[in-house]
Amino acid sequence: MKTSEILQEVDIPRHKLYYLEQKGYVTPKRIPMGDLEAREYSDGDLIKIKSIWKYLMKGFKHKVAYEMAMKEIVSMNGANGTGTSTNGLSRG
């Protein structure tokens, strides 16, 4: 997904999205476009951003929001039978 699509779907301000990237919470692919670079977010990035933003909107600090989001995502992955952690390594 493009940055504009993420901003619209999640309703997160651009500077907050870029801060999540700066902290290493999401890592969009960089696509060269002349002198600029476009960001391409994966489906996994979208899930992380939505979950982190949910906790930020509840008043949690970024680090805590990230930790809570990751726990939620890992538990969802376990519940749906994927058996993988968010870092792509197989559990089990």
C-alpha atoms as a PDB file:
ATOM      1  CA  MET A   1       0.000   0.000   0.000  1.00  0.00           C
ATOM      2  CA  LYS A   2       1.105   3.544  -0.663  1.00  0.00           C
ATOM      3  CA  THR A   3       1.538   6.072   2.143  1.00  0.00           C
ATOM      4  CA  SER A   4      -1.619   7.921   1.087  1.00  0.00           C
ATOM      5  CA  GLU A   5      -3.644   4.701   1.287  1.00  0.00           C
ATOM      6  CA  ILE A   6      -2.335   3.943   4.787  1.00  0.00           C
ATOM      7  CA  LEU A   7      -3.112   7.487   5.938  1.00  0.00           C
ATOM      8  CA  GLN A   8      -6.665   7.212   4.645  1.00  0.00           C
ATOM      9  CA  GLU A   9      -7.404   3.688   5.887  1.00  0.00           C
ATOM     10  CA  VAL A  10      -5.927   4.091   9.374  1.00  0.00           C
ATOM     11  CA  ASP A  11      -6.682   7.822   9.764  1.00  0.00           C
ATOM     12  CA  ILE A  12      -3.214   8.423  11.191  1.00  0.00           C
ATOM     13  CA  PRO A  13      -1.316  11.699  10.663  1.00  0.00           C
ATOM     14  CA  ARG A  14       1.640  11.427   8.284  1.00  0.00           C
ATOM     15  CA  HIS A  15       4.149  12.546  10.929  1.00  0.00           C
ATOM     16  CA  LYS A  16       2.928   9.818  13.318  1.00  0.00           C
ATOM     17  CA  LEU A  17       3.272   7.190  10.589  1.00  0.00           C
ATOM     18  CA  TYR A  18       6.812   8.333   9.805  1.00  0.00           C
ATOM     19  CA  TYR A  19       7.650   8.288  13.523  1.00  0.00           C
ATOM     20  CA  LEU A  20       6.620   4.608  13.693  1.00  0.00           C
ATOM     21  CA  GLU A  21       9.003   3.993  10.808  1.00  0.00           C
ATOM     22  CA  GLN A  22      11.779   6.021  12.452  1.00  0.00           C
ATOM     23  CA  LYS A  23      11.469   3.920  15.618  1.00  0.00           C
ATOM     24  CA  GLY A  24      11.688   0.726  13.546  1.00  0.00           C
ATOM     25  CA  TYR A  25       8.145  -0.433  14.350  1.00  0.00           C
ATOM     26  CA  VAL A  26       7.324  -0.699  10.636  1.00  0.00           C
ATOM     27  CA  THR A  27       9.712  -1.023   7.705  1.00  0.00           C
ATOM     28  CA  PRO A  28       8.115  -0.122   4.379  1.00  0.00           C
ATOM     29  CA  LYS A  29       9.899  -1.004   1.175  1.00  0.00           C
ATOM     30  CA  ARG A  30      11.530   2.026  -0.483  1.00  0.00           C
ATOM     31  CA  ILE A  31      10.852   2.449  -4.189  1.00  0.00           C
ATOM     32  CA  PRO A  32      13.034   4.971  -6.077  1.00  0.00           C
ATOM     33  CA  MET A  33      11.061   7.540  -8.064  1.00  0.00           C
ATOM     34  CA  GLY A  34      13.571   9.878  -9.664  1.00  0.00           C
ATOM     35  CA  ASP A  35      15.126  11.971  -6.895  1.00  0.00           C
ATOM     36  CA  LEU A  36      12.510  10.784  -4.386  1.00  0.00           C
ATOM     37  CA  GLU A  37      11.575   7.504  -2.766  1.00  0.00           C
ATOM     38  CA  ALA A  38       8.049   6.180  -2.367  1.00  0.00           C
ATOM     39  CA  ARG A  39       7.159   3.929   0.533  1.00  0.00           C
ATOM     40  CA  GLU A  40       5.323   0.669  -0.072  1.00  0.00           C
ATOM     41  CA  TYR A  41       3.735  -0.835   3.040  1.00  0.00           C
ATOM     42  CA  SER A  42       3.041  -4.559   3.324  1.00  0.00           C
ATOM     43  CA  ASP A  43      -0.145  -6.104   4.692  1.00  0.00           C
ATOM     44  CA  GLY A  44       1.848  -6.905   7.837  1.00  0.00           C
ATOM     45  CA  ASP A  45       2.837  -3.247   8.170  1.00  0.00           C
ATOM     46  CA  LEU A  46      -0.820  -2.243   7.852  1.00  0.00           C
ATOM     47  CA  ILE A  47      -1.837  -4.627  10.635  1.00  0.00           C
ATOM     48  CA  LYS A  48       0.934  -3.301  12.897  1.00  0.00           C
ATOM     49  CA  ILE A  49       0.074   0.333  12.158  1.00  0.00           C
ATOM     50  CA  LYS A  50      -3.639  -0.191  12.856  1.00  0.00           C
ATOM     51  CA  SER A  51      -2.935  -1.972  16.125  1.00  0.00           C
ATOM     52  CA  ILE A  52      -0.271   0.485  17.332  1.00  0.00           C
ATOM     53  CA  TRP A  53      -2.480   3.447  16.416  1.00  0.00           C
ATOM     54  CA  LYS A  54      -5.372   1.934  18.368  1.00  0.00           C
ATOM     55  CA  TYR A  55      -3.247   1.883  21.525  1.00  0.00           C
ATOM     56  CA  LEU A  56      -1.780   5.334  20.880  1.00  0.00           C
ATOM     57  CA  MET A  57      -5.324   6.705  20.613  1.00  0.00           C
ATOM     58  CA  LYS A  58      -6.061   5.165  24.022  1.00  0.00           C
ATOM     59  CA  GLY A  59      -3.226   7.246  25.480  1.00  0.00           C
ATOM     60  CA  PHE A  60      -0.389   4.729  25.660  1.00  0.00           C
ATOM     61  CA  LYS A  61       3.177   5.848  24.925  1.00  0.00           C
ATOM     62  CA  HIS A  62       4.721   4.624  21.670  1.00  0.00           C
ATOM     63  CA  LYS A  63       6.882   1.862  23.163  1.00  0.00           C
ATOM     64  CA  VAL A  64       4.013   0.459  25.242  1.00  0.00           C
ATOM     65  CA  ALA A  65       1.580   0.761  22.321  1.00  0.00           C
ATOM     66  CA  TYR A  66       4.027  -1.161  20.128  1.00  0.00           C
ATOM     67  CA  GLU A  67       4.526  -3.894  22.737  1.00  0.00           C
ATOM     68  CA  MET A  68       0.780  -4.288  23.279  1.00  0.00           C
ATOM     69  CA  ALA A  69       0.136  -4.328  19.530  1.00  0.00           C
ATOM     70  CA  MET A  70       2.745  -7.022  18.977  1.00  0.00           C
ATOM     71  CA  LYS A  71       1.272  -9.192  21.744  1.00  0.00           C
ATOM     72  CA  GLU A  72      -2.154  -8.778  20.157  1.00  0.00           C
ATOM     73  CA  ILE A  73      -0.858  -9.678  16.699  1.00  0.00           C
ATOM     74  CA  VAL A  74       1.028 -12.735  17.963  1.00  0.00           C
ATOM     75  CA  SER A  75      -2.056 -13.955  19.823  1.00  0.00           C
ATOM     76  CA  MET A  76      -4.184 -13.424  16.686  1.00  0.00           C
ATOM     77  CA  ASN A  77      -1.670 -15.421  14.625  1.00  0.00           C
ATOM     78  CA  GLY A  78      -1.832 -18.235  17.151  1.00  0.00           C
ATOM     79  CA  ALA A  79      -5.628 -18.127  17.195  1.00  0.00           C
ATOM     80  CA  ASN A  80      -5.929 -18.362  13.415  1.00  0.00           C
ATOM     81  CA  GLY A  81      -3.475 -21.244  13.201  1.00  0.00           C
ATOM     82  CA  THR A  82      -0.687 -19.572  11.257  1.00  0.00           C
ATOM     83  CA  GLY A  83       1.915 -20.720  13.759  1.00  0.00           C
ATOM     84  CA  THR A  84       4.307 -17.928  12.884  1.00  0.00           C
ATOM     85  CA  SER A  85       5.525 -15.037  14.917  1.00  0.00           C
ATOM     86  CA  THR A  86       5.588 -11.485  13.570  1.00  0.00           C
ATOM     87  CA  ASN A  87       9.283 -11.809  12.733  1.00  0.00           C
ATOM     88  CA  GLY A  88       8.475 -14.563  10.250  1.00  0.00           C
ATOM     89  CA  LEU A  89      10.050 -17.395  12.215  1.00  0.00           C
ATOM     90  CA  SER A  90       8.046 -20.526  12.748  1.00  0.00           C
ATOM     91  CA  ARG A  91       6.925 -21.281  16.275  1.00  0.00           C
ATOM     92  CA  GLY A  92       6.876 -24.664  17.597  1.00  0.00           C
END
